[in-house]
Each structure stands twice: as structure tokens, then as C-alpha cells.
Amino acid sequence: MLVPVSSVRWSEVGGIWAVVVLTGEVDRALASRLREVMDALIAKDRAQIVLDLERVSFMDSAGLGTLVYGMRRAGAHGGGLRLAGPGEQVRGLLELTGLGGAIEVFGDVPAACRAPRQ
């Protein structure tokens, strides 16, 4: 089931992983909406979250901050945060900041949902 939420939507197709699909630019406006969606999932005991970044064209520091926020919130509730399908710009940003070593990154959503928890 996909639920549209602006440029963020989530799906239950990931089994135990709640898949959040992002589109466009992950900037301050979208980052606040993404926090709301992640908080809502965690409140529903869905703290294992995969962010599908395949359709993200750009991410700024607000987006990075939201990734850290999601990683910490999900972890505090016994879950985790994974990234799936980030493009070149996002991968470069993750590498530049070192965040790619702190958050698990996968090529696509199926791989992120299949992989065992680290």
C-alpha cells in the first residue's frame, strides 16, 4: 500500500522494513516532512526504515541532518535506517561527510529489505 505524502510516501511492501520513497530535492522543506513521516512510522512500531533515494536529484545539509535524525530515532526504538539507490550526488555527499560509513547503503530497495541486520 502506497500512501502519497507530498514528495515523501511510504509503503509496506518491504516486509519488516517500512519503505519511504523520496522524490526530487531533499532540502529543508522536504526534510521536515520526512521527519514527520519517520516519527509516525516509529510511533506505529515501524522503526526499521528504508529510504528509497532512487528518485532524489539533490540533497543538502538539511537532508543529511534528517538522515542522522532518522538513524538515531530508529536506533533508539530498536530499529535501523537504511538507504537504497542513492544517485551520484547523494553518494558523493555521504562519502564527503563520512555518513556513508554510519548508515547502511544498498543499490536498491529489494537488496535493502533482504539483507540481514548488521
PDB file of N, CA and C in Angstrom:
ATOM      1  N   MET A   1       0.830  -1.172   0.000  1.00  0.00           N
ATOM      2  CA  MET A   1       0.000   0.000   0.000  1.00  0.00           C
ATOM      3  C   MET A   1       0.881   1.245   0.000  1.00  0.00           C
ATOM      4  N   LEU A   2       0.732   2.104  -0.955  1.00  0.00           N
ATOM      5  CA  LEU A   2       1.476   3.352  -1.014  1.00  0.00           C
ATOM      6  C   LEU A   2       0.583   4.498  -0.570  1.00  0.00           C
ATOM      7  N   VAL A   3       1.124   5.345   0.258  1.00  0.00           N
ATOM      8  CA  VAL A   3       0.377   6.486   0.761  1.00  0.00           C
ATOM      9  C   VAL A   3       1.112   7.751   0.326  1.00  0.00           C
ATOM     10  N   PRO A   4       0.555   8.531  -0.608  1.00  0.00           N
ATOM     11  CA  PRO A   4       1.255   9.736  -1.031  1.00  0.00           C
ATOM     12  C   PRO A   4       1.273  10.791   0.069  1.00  0.00           C
ATOM     13  N   VAL A   5       2.440  11.368   0.275  1.00  0.00           N
ATOM     14  CA  VAL A   5       2.614  12.425   1.272  1.00  0.00           C
ATOM     15  C   VAL A   5       3.562  13.437   0.652  1.00  0.00           C
ATOM     16  N   SER A   6       3.049  14.360  -0.113  1.00  0.00           N
ATOM     17  CA  SER A   6       3.867  15.349  -0.807  1.00  0.00           C
ATOM     18  C   SER A   6       4.913  14.624  -1.644  1.00  0.00           C
ATOM     19  N   SER A   7       6.191  14.913  -1.405  1.00  0.00           N
ATOM     20  CA  SER A   7       7.266  14.235  -2.129  1.00  0.00           C
ATOM     21  C   SER A   7       7.833  13.079  -1.330  1.00  0.00           C
ATOM     22  N   VAL A   8       7.113  12.683  -0.293  1.00  0.00           N
ATOM     23  CA  VAL A   8       7.502  11.544   0.538  1.00  0.00           C
ATOM     24  C   VAL A   8       6.297  10.630   0.620  1.00  0.00           C
ATOM     25  N   ARG A   9       6.506   9.345   0.425  1.00  0.00           N
ATOM     26  CA  ARG A   9       5.427   8.388   0.645  1.00  0.00           C
ATOM     27  C   ARG A   9       6.037   7.123   1.225  1.00  0.00           C
ATOM     28  N   TRP A  10       5.235   6.362   1.934  1.00  0.00           N
ATOM     29  CA  TRP A  10       5.764   5.127   2.496  1.00  0.00           C
ATOM     30  C   TRP A  10       4.935   3.946   2.045  1.00  0.00           C
ATOM     31  N   SER A  11       5.563   2.795   2.092  1.00  0.00           N
ATOM     32  CA  SER A  11       4.950   1.583   1.594  1.00  0.00           C
ATOM     33  C   SER A  11       5.213   0.450   2.570  1.00  0.00           C
ATOM     34  N   GLU A  12       4.328  -0.504   2.626  1.00  0.00           N
ATOM     35  CA  GLU A  12       4.534  -1.668   3.473  1.00  0.00           C
ATOM     36  C   GLU A  12       5.045  -2.860   2.677  1.00  0.00           C
ATOM     37  N   VAL A  13       5.502  -2.642   1.448  1.00  0.00           N
ATOM     38  CA  VAL A  13       5.959  -3.746   0.609  1.00  0.00           C
ATOM     39  C   VAL A  13       7.296  -4.311   1.056  1.00  0.00           C
ATOM     40  N   GLY A  14       7.976  -3.675   1.986  1.00  0.00           N
ATOM     41  CA  GLY A  14       9.294  -4.113   2.428  1.00  0.00           C
ATOM     42  C   GLY A  14       9.282  -5.129   3.552  1.00  0.00           C
ATOM     43  N   GLY A  15       8.129  -5.718   3.857  1.00  0.00           N
ATOM     44  CA  GLY A  15       8.066  -6.685   4.953  1.00  0.00           C
ATOM     45  C   GLY A  15       8.257  -5.976   6.283  1.00  0.00           C
ATOM     46  N   ILE A  16       9.282  -6.391   7.034  1.00  0.00           N
ATOM     47  CA  ILE A  16       9.535  -5.747   8.325  1.00  0.00           C
ATOM     48  C   ILE A  16      10.089  -4.340   8.149  1.00  0.00           C
ATOM     49  N   TRP A  17      10.559  -4.020   6.950  1.00  0.00           N
ATOM     50  CA  TRP A  17      11.112  -2.692   6.673  1.00  0.00           C
ATOM     51  C   TRP A  17      10.033  -1.802   6.084  1.00  0.00           C
ATOM     52  N   ALA A  18       9.831  -0.647   6.681  1.00  0.00           N
ATOM     53  CA  ALA A  18       8.928   0.352   6.121  1.00  0.00           C
ATOM     54  C   ALA A  18       9.726   1.121   5.073  1.00  0.00           C
ATOM     55  N   VAL A  19       9.244   1.141   3.849  1.00  0.00           N
ATOM     56  CA  VAL A  19       9.950   1.794   2.756  1.00  0.00           C
ATOM     57  C   VAL A  19       9.378   3.194   2.549  1.00  0.00           C
ATOM     58  N   VAL A  20      10.239   4.190   2.644  1.00  0.00           N
ATOM     59  CA  VAL A  20       9.852   5.583   2.443  1.00  0.00           C
ATOM     60  C   VAL A  20      10.462   6.033   1.122  1.00  0.00           C
ATOM     61  N   VAL A  21       9.622   6.394   0.180  1.00  0.00           N
ATOM     62  CA  VAL A  21      10.062   6.782  -1.158  1.00  0.00           C
ATOM     63  C   VAL A  21      10.150   8.307  -1.230  1.00  0.00           C
ATOM     64  N   LEU A  22      11.333   8.799  -1.560  1.00  0.00           N
ATOM     65  CA  LEU A  22      11.558  10.241  -1.681  1.00  0.00           C
ATOM     66  C   LEU A  22      11.729  10.594  -3.148  1.00  0.00           C
ATOM     67  N   THR A  23      11.222  11.753  -3.538  1.00  0.00           N
ATOM     68  CA  THR A  23      11.399  12.223  -4.902  1.00  0.00           C
ATOM     69  C   THR A  23      11.834  13.686  -4.891  1.00  0.00           C
ATOM     70  N   GLY A  24      12.611  14.044  -5.888  1.00  0.00           N
ATOM     71  CA  GLY A  24      13.017  15.440  -6.054  1.00  0.00           C
ATOM     72  C   GLY A  24      14.186  15.819  -5.176  1.00  0.00           C
ATOM     73  N   GLU A  25      14.147  17.039  -4.656  1.00  0.00           N
ATOM     74  CA  GLU A  25      15.233  17.584  -3.848  1.00  0.00           C
ATOM     75  C   GLU A  25      14.921  17.426  -2.367  1.00  0.00           C
ATOM     76  N   VAL A  26      15.869  16.865  -1.645  1.00  0.00           N
ATOM     77  CA  VAL A  26      15.714  16.722  -0.199  1.00  0.00           C
ATOM     78  C   VAL A  26      16.394  17.938   0.432  1.00  0.00           C
ATOM     79  N   ASP A  27      15.593  18.980   0.599  1.00  0.00           N
ATOM     80  CA  ASP A  27      16.071  20.225   1.189  1.00  0.00           C
ATOM     81  C   ASP A  27      15.300  20.477   2.484  1.00  0.00           C
ATOM     82  N   ARG A  28      15.386  21.676   3.013  1.00  0.00           N
ATOM     83  CA  ARG A  28      14.752  21.979   4.299  1.00  0.00           C
ATOM     84  C   ARG A  28      13.250  21.679   4.292  1.00  0.00           C
ATOM     85  N   ALA A  29      12.556  22.040   3.227  1.00  0.00           N
ATOM     86  CA  ALA A  29      11.111  21.820   3.169  1.00  0.00           C
ATOM     87  C   ALA A  29      10.763  20.331   3.208  1.00  0.00           C
ATOM     88  N   LEU A  30      11.441  19.539   2.424  1.00  0.00           N
ATOM     89  CA  LEU A  30      11.154  18.104   2.395  1.00  0.00           C
ATOM     90  C   LEU A  30      11.693  17.412   3.642  1.00  0.00           C
ATOM     91  N   ALA A  31      12.804  17.903   4.171  1.00  0.00           N
ATOM     92  CA  ALA A  31      13.401  17.285   5.355  1.00  0.00           C
ATOM     93  C   ALA A  31      12.435  17.306   6.538  1.00  0.00           C
ATOM     94  N   SER A  32      11.736  18.399   6.729  1.00  0.00           N
ATOM     95  CA  SER A  32      10.796  18.460   7.852  1.00  0.00           C
ATOM     96  C   SER A  32       9.652  17.472   7.653  1.00  0.00           C
ATOM     97  N   ARG A  33       9.180  17.318   6.432  1.00  0.00           N
ATOM     98  CA  ARG A  33       8.115  16.347   6.140  1.00  0.00           C
ATOM     99  C   ARG A  33       8.619  14.922   6.350  1.00  0.00           C
ATOM    100  N   LEU A  34       9.862  14.660   5.953  1.00  0.00           N
ATOM    101  CA  LEU A  34      10.443  13.333   6.137  1.00  0.00           C
ATOM    102  C   LEU A  34      10.556  12.993   7.620  1.00  0.00           C
ATOM    103  N   ARG A  35      10.936  13.953   8.428  1.00  0.00           N
ATOM    104  CA  ARG A  35      10.986  13.716   9.882  1.00  0.00           C
ATOM    105  C   ARG A  35       9.611  13.318  10.405  1.00  0.00           C
ATOM    106  N   GLU A  36       8.585  14.017   9.956  1.00  0.00           N
ATOM    107  CA  GLU A  36       7.218  13.702  10.387  1.00  0.00           C
ATOM    108  C   GLU A  36       6.839  12.273  10.006  1.00  0.00           C
ATOM    109  N   VAL A  37       7.173  11.873   8.792  1.00  0.00           N
ATOM    110  CA  VAL A  37       6.839  10.521   8.325  1.00  0.00           C
ATOM    111  C   VAL A  37       7.596   9.481   9.139  1.00  0.00           C
ATOM    112  N   MET A  38       8.892   9.707   9.376  1.00  0.00           N
ATOM    113  CA  MET A  38       9.668   8.745  10.164  1.00  0.00           C
ATOM    114  C   MET A  38       9.137   8.668  11.594  1.00  0.00           C
ATOM    115  N   ASP A  39       8.799   9.804  12.198  1.00  0.00           N
ATOM    116  CA  ASP A  39       8.235   9.805  13.547  1.00  0.00           C
ATOM    117  C   ASP A  39       6.922   9.029  13.586  1.00  0.00           C
ATOM    118  N   ALA A  40       6.083   9.209  12.573  1.00  0.00           N
ATOM    119  CA  ALA A  40       4.806   8.500  12.516  1.00  0.00           C
ATOM    120  C   ALA A  40       5.021   6.993  12.394  1.00  0.00           C
ATOM    121  N   LEU A  41       5.980   6.580  11.580  1.00  0.00           N
ATOM    122  CA  LEU A  41       6.282   5.157  11.441  1.00  0.00           C
ATOM    123  C   LEU A  41       6.774   4.577  12.763  1.00  0.00           C
ATOM    124  N   ILE A  42       7.690   5.288  13.411  1.00  0.00           N
ATOM    125  CA  ILE A  42       8.232   4.812  14.686  1.00  0.00           C
ATOM    126  C   ILE A  42       7.128   4.725  15.733  1.00  0.00           C
ATOM    127  N   ALA A  43       6.208   5.675  15.728  1.00  0.00           N
ATOM    128  CA  ALA A  43       5.077   5.645  16.667  1.00  0.00           C
ATOM    129  C   ALA A  43       4.188   4.427  16.428  1.00  0.00           C
ATOM    130  N   LYS A  44       4.204   3.898  15.195  1.00  0.00           N
ATOM    131  CA  LYS A  44       3.420   2.701  14.854  1.00  0.00           C
ATOM    132  C   LYS A  44       4.268   1.438  14.973  1.00  0.00           C
ATOM    133  N   ASP A  45       5.392   1.522  15.708  1.00  0.00           N
ATOM    134  CA  ASP A  45       6.318   0.398  15.886  1.00  0.00           C
ATOM    135  C   ASP A  45       6.906  -0.084  14.567  1.00  0.00           C
ATOM    136  N   ARG A  46       7.130   0.841  13.640  1.00  0.00           N
ATOM    137  CA  ARG A  46       7.791   0.541  12.359  1.00  0.00           C
ATOM    138  C   ARG A  46       9.134   1.264  12.335  1.00  0.00           C
ATOM    139  N   ALA A  47      10.042   0.875  13.234  1.00  0.00           N
ATOM    140  CA  ALA A  47      11.322   1.571  13.390  1.00  0.00           C
ATOM    141  C   ALA A  47      12.416   1.043  12.476  1.00  0.00           C
ATOM    142  N   GLN A  48      12.100   0.067  11.631  1.00  0.00           N
ATOM    143  CA  GLN A  48      13.055  -0.412  10.634  1.00  0.00           C
ATOM    144  C   GLN A  48      12.663   0.236   9.311  1.00  0.00           C
ATOM    145  N   ILE A  49      13.460   1.224   8.911  1.00  0.00           N
ATOM    146  CA  ILE A  49      13.079   2.107   7.806  1.00  0.00           C
ATOM    147  C   ILE A  49      14.117   2.070   6.698  1.00  0.00           C
ATOM    148  N   VAL A  50      13.638   1.918   5.469  1.00  0.00           N
ATOM    149  CA  VAL A  50      14.474   2.036   4.273  1.00  0.00           C
ATOM    150  C   VAL A  50      14.048   3.301   3.544  1.00  0.00           C
ATOM    151  N   LEU A  51      14.984   4.183   3.280  1.00  0.00           N
ATOM    152  CA  LEU A  51      14.706   5.367   2.472  1.00  0.00           C
ATOM    153  C   LEU A  51      15.085   5.063   1.037  1.00  0.00           C
ATOM    154  N   ASP A  52      14.104   5.059   0.147  1.00  0.00           N
ATOM    155  CA  ASP A  52      14.346   4.848  -1.282  1.00  0.00           C
ATOM    156  C   ASP A  52      14.732   6.194  -1.884  1.00  0.00           C
ATOM    157  N   LEU A  53      16.007   6.327  -2.238  1.00  0.00           N
ATOM    158  CA  LEU A  53      16.541   7.590  -2.754  1.00  0.00           C
ATOM    159  C   LEU A  53      16.730   7.586  -4.261  1.00  0.00           C
ATOM    160  N   GLU A  54      16.211   6.575  -4.933  1.00  0.00           N
ATOM    161  CA  GLU A  54      16.424   6.432  -6.368  1.00  0.00           C
ATOM    162  C   GLU A  54      15.955   7.651  -7.167  1.00  0.00           C
ATOM    163  N   ARG A  55      14.887   8.301  -6.717  1.00  0.00           N
ATOM    164  CA  ARG A  55      14.327   9.446  -7.452  1.00  0.00           C
ATOM    165  C   ARG A  55      14.744  10.790  -6.863  1.00  0.00           C
ATOM    166  N   VAL A  56      15.744  10.777  -5.991  1.00  0.00           N
ATOM    167  CA  VAL A  56      16.245  12.021  -5.391  1.00  0.00           C
ATOM    168  C   VAL A  56      17.308  12.610  -6.299  1.00  0.00           C
ATOM    169  N   SER A  57      17.113  13.856  -6.704  1.00  0.00           N
ATOM    170  CA  SER A  57      18.055  14.521  -7.600  1.00  0.00           C
ATOM    171  C   SER A  57      19.091  15.357  -6.857  1.00  0.00           C
ATOM    172  N   PHE A  58      18.773  15.720  -5.609  1.00  0.00           N
ATOM    173  CA  PHE A  58      19.669  16.591  -4.847  1.00  0.00           C
ATOM    174  C   PHE A  58      19.373  16.467  -3.363  1.00  0.00           C
ATOM    175  N   MET A  59      20.433  16.528  -2.551  1.00  0.00           N
ATOM    176  CA  MET A  59      20.271  16.550  -1.105  1.00  0.00           C
ATOM    177  C   MET A  59      21.224  17.595  -0.543  1.00  0.00           C
ATOM    178  N   ASP A  60      20.734  18.386   0.428  1.00  0.00           N
ATOM    179  CA  ASP A  60      21.590  19.388   1.056  1.00  0.00           C
ATOM    180  C   ASP A  60      21.839  19.009   2.518  1.00  0.00           C
ATOM    181  N   SER A  61      22.409  19.943   3.281  1.00  0.00           N
ATOM    182  CA  SER A  61      22.747  19.662   4.675  1.00  0.00           C
ATOM    183  C   SER A  61      21.511  19.371   5.518  1.00  0.00           C
ATOM    184  N   ALA A  62      20.377  19.973   5.188  1.00  0.00           N
ATOM    185  CA  ALA A  62      19.141  19.669   5.918  1.00  0.00           C
ATOM    186  C   ALA A  62      18.750  18.211   5.702  1.00  0.00           C
ATOM    187  N   GLY A  63      18.927  17.727   4.494  1.00  0.00           N
ATOM    188  CA  GLY A  63      18.657  16.323   4.203  1.00  0.00           C
ATOM    189  C   GLY A  63      19.590  15.407   4.975  1.00  0.00           C
ATOM    190  N   LEU A  64      20.880  15.755   5.016  1.00  0.00           N
ATOM    191  CA  LEU A  64      21.845  14.957   5.786  1.00  0.00           C
ATOM    192  C   LEU A  64      21.470  14.932   7.264  1.00  0.00           C
ATOM    193  N   GLY A  65      21.078  16.085   7.788  1.00  0.00           N
ATOM    194  CA  GLY A  65      20.660  16.149   9.184  1.00  0.00           C
ATOM    195  C   GLY A  65      19.475  15.256   9.459  1.00  0.00           C
ATOM    196  N   THR A  66      18.582  15.157   8.506  1.00  0.00           N
ATOM    197  CA  THR A  66      17.407  14.310   8.660  1.00  0.00           C
ATOM    198  C   THR A  66      17.798  12.837   8.641  1.00  0.00           C
ATOM    199  N   LEU A  67      18.801  12.481   7.847  1.00  0.00           N
ATOM    200  CA  LEU A  67      19.287  11.100   7.852  1.00  0.00           C
ATOM    201  C   LEU A  67      19.840  10.735   9.228  1.00  0.00           C
ATOM    202  N   VAL A  68      20.621  11.636   9.813  1.00  0.00           N
ATOM    203  CA  VAL A  68      21.174  11.405  11.142  1.00  0.00           C
ATOM    204  C   VAL A  68      20.044  11.303  12.166  1.00  0.00           C
ATOM    205  N   TYR A  69      19.075  12.197  12.070  1.00  0.00           N
ATOM    206  CA  TYR A  69      17.908  12.178  12.955  1.00  0.00           C
ATOM    207  C   TYR A  69      17.200  10.822  12.854  1.00  0.00           C
ATOM    208  N   GLY A  70      16.924  10.380  11.637  1.00  0.00           N
ATOM    209  CA  GLY A  70      16.222   9.113  11.435  1.00  0.00           C
ATOM    210  C   GLY A  70      17.018   7.931  11.948  1.00  0.00           C
ATOM    211  N   MET A  71      18.326   7.949  11.712  1.00  0.00           N
ATOM    212  CA  MET A  71      19.185   6.863  12.174  1.00  0.00           C
ATOM    213  C   MET A  71      19.143   6.774  13.703  1.00  0.00           C
ATOM    214  N   ARG A  72      19.239   7.905  14.366  1.00  0.00           N
ATOM    215  CA  ARG A  72      19.233   7.916  15.836  1.00  0.00           C
ATOM    216  C   ARG A  72      17.869   7.544  16.404  1.00  0.00           C
ATOM    217  N   ARG A  73      16.800   8.106  15.848  1.00  0.00           N
ATOM    218  CA  ARG A  73      15.443   7.817  16.354  1.00  0.00           C
ATOM    219  C   ARG A  73      15.087   6.348  16.148  1.00  0.00           C
ATOM    220  N   ALA A  74      15.353   5.840  14.957  1.00  0.00           N
ATOM    221  CA  ALA A  74      15.036   4.437  14.688  1.00  0.00           C
ATOM    222  C   ALA A  74      15.858   3.527  15.597  1.00  0.00           C
ATOM    223  N   GLY A  75      17.137   3.827  15.739  1.00  0.00           N
ATOM    224  CA  GLY A  75      18.001   3.021  16.601  1.00  0.00           C
ATOM    225  C   GLY A  75      17.556   3.041  18.053  1.00  0.00           C
ATOM    226  N   ALA A  76      17.091   4.183  18.523  1.00  0.00           N
ATOM    227  CA  ALA A  76      16.631   4.310  19.900  1.00  0.00           C
ATOM    228  C   ALA A  76      15.377   3.477  20.164  1.00  0.00           C
ATOM    229  N   HIS A  77      14.681   3.102  19.095  1.00  0.00           N
ATOM    230  CA  HIS A  77      13.459   2.304  19.227  1.00  0.00           C
ATOM    231  C   HIS A  77      13.660   0.871  18.732  1.00  0.00           C
ATOM    232  N   GLY A  78      14.911   0.420  18.707  1.00  0.00           N
ATOM    233  CA  GLY A  78      15.212  -0.954  18.337  1.00  0.00           C
ATOM    234  C   GLY A  78      15.221  -1.235  16.854  1.00  0.00           C
ATOM    235  N   GLY A  79      15.184  -0.197  16.039  1.00  0.00           N
ATOM    236  CA  GLY A  79      15.168  -0.374  14.592  1.00  0.00           C
ATOM    237  C   GLY A  79      16.461   0.077  13.949  1.00  0.00           C
ATOM    238  N   GLY A  80      16.351   0.509  12.727  1.00  0.00           N
ATOM    239  CA  GLY A  80      17.505   0.977  11.981  1.00  0.00           C
ATOM    240  C   GLY A  80      17.060   1.744  10.759  1.00  0.00           C
ATOM    241  N   LEU A  81      18.019   2.416  10.137  1.00  0.00           N
ATOM    242  CA  LEU A  81      17.761   3.185   8.920  1.00  0.00           C
ATOM    243  C   LEU A  81      18.710   2.710   7.839  1.00  0.00           C
ATOM    244  N   ARG A  82      18.168   2.424   6.665  1.00  0.00           N
ATOM    245  CA  ARG A  82      18.957   2.029   5.502  1.00  0.00           C
ATOM    246  C   ARG A  82      18.617   2.947   4.343  1.00  0.00           C
ATOM    247  N   LEU A  83      19.599   3.133   3.466  1.00  0.00           N
ATOM    248  CA  LEU A  83      19.395   3.927   2.261  1.00  0.00           C
ATOM    249  C   LEU A  83      19.445   3.001   1.065  1.00  0.00           C
ATOM    250  N   ALA A  84      18.575   3.233   0.094  1.00  0.00           N
ATOM    251  CA  ALA A  84      18.529   2.407  -1.105  1.00  0.00           C
ATOM    252  C   ALA A  84      18.584   3.283  -2.347  1.00  0.00           C
ATOM    253  N   GLY A  85      19.477   2.936  -3.264  1.00  0.00           N
ATOM    254  CA  GLY A  85      19.526   3.564  -4.576  1.00  0.00           C
ATOM    255  C   GLY A  85      19.934   5.018  -4.646  1.00  0.00           C
ATOM    256  N   PRO A  86      20.833   5.487  -3.771  1.00  0.00           N
ATOM    257  CA  PRO A  86      21.206   6.900  -3.890  1.00  0.00           C
ATOM    258  C   PRO A  86      21.964   7.164  -5.189  1.00  0.00           C
ATOM    259  N   GLY A  87      21.706   8.311  -5.799  1.00  0.00           N
ATOM    260  CA  GLY A  87      22.397   8.699  -7.018  1.00  0.00           C
ATOM    261  C   GLY A  87      23.784   9.244  -6.723  1.00  0.00           C
ATOM    262  N   GLU A  88      24.446   9.667  -7.767  1.00  0.00           N
ATOM    263  CA  GLU A  88      25.829  10.123  -7.669  1.00  0.00           C
ATOM    264  C   GLU A  88      25.996  11.295  -6.707  1.00  0.00           C
ATOM    265  N   GLN A  89      25.105  12.295  -6.773  1.00  0.00           N
ATOM    266  CA  GLN A  89      25.237  13.471  -5.908  1.00  0.00           C
ATOM    267  C   GLN A  89      25.091  13.083  -4.445  1.00  0.00           C
ATOM    268  N   VAL A  90      24.109  12.250  -4.139  1.00  0.00           N
ATOM    269  CA  VAL A  90      23.877  11.847  -2.757  1.00  0.00           C
ATOM    270  C   VAL A  90      25.021  10.959  -2.273  1.00  0.00           C
ATOM    271  N   ARG A  91      25.476  10.026  -3.106  1.00  0.00           N
ATOM    272  CA  ARG A  91      26.610   9.170  -2.725  1.00  0.00           C
ATOM    273  C   ARG A  91      27.854  10.008  -2.430  1.00  0.00           C
ATOM    274  N   GLY A  92      28.101  11.008  -3.250  1.00  0.00           N
ATOM    275  CA  GLY A  92      29.241  11.890  -3.033  1.00  0.00           C
ATOM    276  C   GLY A  92      29.131  12.631  -1.709  1.00  0.00           C
ATOM    277  N   LEU A  93      27.950  13.090  -1.403  1.00  0.00           N
ATOM    278  CA  LEU A  93      27.708  13.800  -0.153  1.00  0.00           C
ATOM    279  C   LEU A  93      27.910  12.871   1.049  1.00  0.00           C
ATOM    280  N   LEU A  94      27.416  11.652   0.941  1.00  0.00           N
ATOM    281  CA  LEU A  94      27.593  10.679   2.017  1.00  0.00           C
ATOM    282  C   LEU A  94      29.072  10.367   2.227  1.00  0.00           C
ATOM    283  N   GLU A  95      29.791  10.224   1.129  1.00  0.00           N
ATOM    284  CA  GLU A  95      31.226   9.940   1.209  1.00  0.00           C
ATOM    285  C   GLU A  95      31.993  11.130   1.789  1.00  0.00           C
ATOM    286  N   LEU A  96      31.684  12.312   1.322  1.00  0.00           N
ATOM    287  CA  LEU A  96      32.362  13.529   1.769  1.00  0.00           C
ATOM    288  C   LEU A  96      32.193  13.747   3.276  1.00  0.00           C
ATOM    289  N   THR A  97      31.023  13.463   3.789  1.00  0.00           N
ATOM    290  CA  THR A  97      30.733  13.700   5.204  1.00  0.00           C
ATOM    291  C   THR A  97      31.052  12.500   6.094  1.00  0.00           C
ATOM    292  N   GLY A  98      31.319  11.348   5.501  1.00  0.00           N
ATOM    293  CA  GLY A  98      31.572  10.147   6.283  1.00  0.00           C
ATOM    294  C   GLY A  98      30.311   9.443   6.744  1.00  0.00           C
ATOM    295  N   LEU A  99      29.172   9.976   6.376  1.00  0.00           N
ATOM    296  CA  LEU A  99      27.906   9.401   6.806  1.00  0.00           C
ATOM    297  C   LEU A  99      27.638   8.049   6.136  1.00  0.00           C
ATOM    298  N   GLY A 100      28.226   7.843   4.972  1.00  0.00           N
ATOM    299  CA  GLY A 100      28.053   6.568   4.276  1.00  0.00           C
ATOM    300  C   GLY A 100      28.585   5.387   5.068  1.00  0.00           C
ATOM    301  N   GLY A 101      29.532   5.641   5.971  1.00  0.00           N
ATOM    302  CA  GLY A 101      30.053   4.579   6.819  1.00  0.00           C
ATOM    303  C   GLY A 101      29.191   4.313   8.040  1.00  0.00           C
ATOM    304  N   ALA A 102      28.307   5.246   8.356  1.00  0.00           N
ATOM    305  CA  ALA A 102      27.459   5.116   9.544  1.00  0.00           C
ATOM    306  C   ALA A 102      26.082   4.549   9.215  1.00  0.00           C
ATOM    307  N   ILE A 103      25.626   4.741   7.986  1.00  0.00           N
ATOM    308  CA  ILE A 103      24.313   4.261   7.549  1.00  0.00           C
ATOM    309  C   ILE A 103      24.532   3.233   6.452  1.00  0.00           C
ATOM    310  N   GLU A 104      23.831   2.118   6.533  1.00  0.00           N
ATOM    311  CA  GLU A 104      23.940   1.091   5.501  1.00  0.00           C
ATOM    312  C   GLU A 104      23.344   1.608   4.196  1.00  0.00           C
ATOM    313  N   VAL A 105      24.085   1.436   3.097  1.00  0.00           N
ATOM    314  CA  VAL A 105      23.651   1.897   1.778  1.00  0.00           C
ATOM    315  C   VAL A 105      23.581   0.689   0.846  1.00  0.00           C
ATOM    316  N   PHE A 106      22.454   0.573   0.128  1.00  0.00           N
ATOM    317  CA  PHE A 106      22.226  -0.546  -0.787  1.00  0.00           C
ATOM    318  C   PHE A 106      21.899  -0.014  -2.177  1.00  0.00           C
ATOM    319  N   GLY A 107      22.082  -0.853  -3.172  1.00  0.00           N
ATOM    320  CA  GLY A 107      21.826  -0.463  -4.550  1.00  0.00           C
ATOM    321  C   GLY A 107      20.366  -0.229  -4.873  1.00  0.00           C
ATOM    322  N   ASP A 108      19.485  -0.976  -4.206  1.00  0.00           N
ATOM    323  CA  ASP A 108      18.056  -0.813  -4.463  1.00  0.00           C
ATOM    324  C   ASP A 108      17.252  -1.270  -3.251  1.00  0.00           C
ATOM    325  N   VAL A 109      15.959  -1.037  -3.300  1.00  0.00           N
ATOM    326  CA  VAL A 109      15.082  -1.364  -2.177  1.00  0.00           C
ATOM    327  C   VAL A 109      15.035  -2.867  -1.888  1.00  0.00           C
ATOM    328  N   PRO A 110      14.891  -3.738  -2.898  1.00  0.00           N
ATOM    329  CA  PRO A 110      14.863  -5.164  -2.575  1.00  0.00           C
ATOM    330  C   PRO A 110      16.111  -5.636  -1.833  1.00  0.00           C
ATOM    331  N   ALA A 111      17.274  -5.144  -2.234  1.00  0.00           N
ATOM    332  CA  ALA A 111      18.515  -5.535  -1.551  1.00  0.00           C
ATOM    333  C   ALA A 111      18.518  -5.041  -0.114  1.00  0.00           C
ATOM    334  N   ALA A 112      18.036  -3.833   0.109  1.00  0.00           N
ATOM    335  CA  ALA A 112      17.998  -3.261   1.461  1.00  0.00           C
ATOM    336  C   ALA A 112      17.034  -4.042   2.352  1.00  0.00           C
ATOM    337  N   CYS A 113      15.939  -4.505   1.797  1.00  0.00           N
ATOM    338  CA  CYS A 113      14.945  -5.240   2.580  1.00  0.00           C
ATOM    339  C   CYS A 113      15.351  -6.691   2.826  1.00  0.00           C
ATOM    340  N   ARG A 114      16.167  -7.247   1.941  1.00  0.00           N
ATOM    341  CA  ARG A 114      16.596  -8.645   2.070  1.00  0.00           C
ATOM    342  C   ARG A 114      17.787  -8.821   3.005  1.00  0.00           C
ATOM    343  N   ALA A 115      18.673  -7.857   3.045  1.00  0.00           N
ATOM    344  CA  ALA A 115      19.933  -8.014   3.780  1.00  0.00           C
ATOM    345  C   ALA A 115      19.672  -8.172   5.272  1.00  0.00           C
ATOM    346  N   PRO A 116      20.444  -9.040   5.909  1.00  0.00           N
ATOM    347  CA  PRO A 116      20.297  -9.190   7.365  1.00  0.00           C
ATOM    348  C   PRO A 116      20.756  -7.928   8.077  1.00  0.00           C
ATOM    349  N   ARG A 117      20.230  -7.716   9.272  1.00  0.00           N
ATOM    350  CA  ARG A 117      20.630  -6.545  10.062  1.00  0.00           C
ATOM    351  C   ARG A 117      22.052  -6.717  10.534  1.00  0.00           C
ATOM    352  N   GLN A 118      22.794  -5.642  10.491  1.00  0.00           N
ATOM    353  CA  GLN A 118      24.200  -5.650  10.945  1.00  0.00           C
ATOM    354  C   GLN A 118      24.291  -5.520  12.435  1.00  0.00           C
TER     355      GLN A 118
END
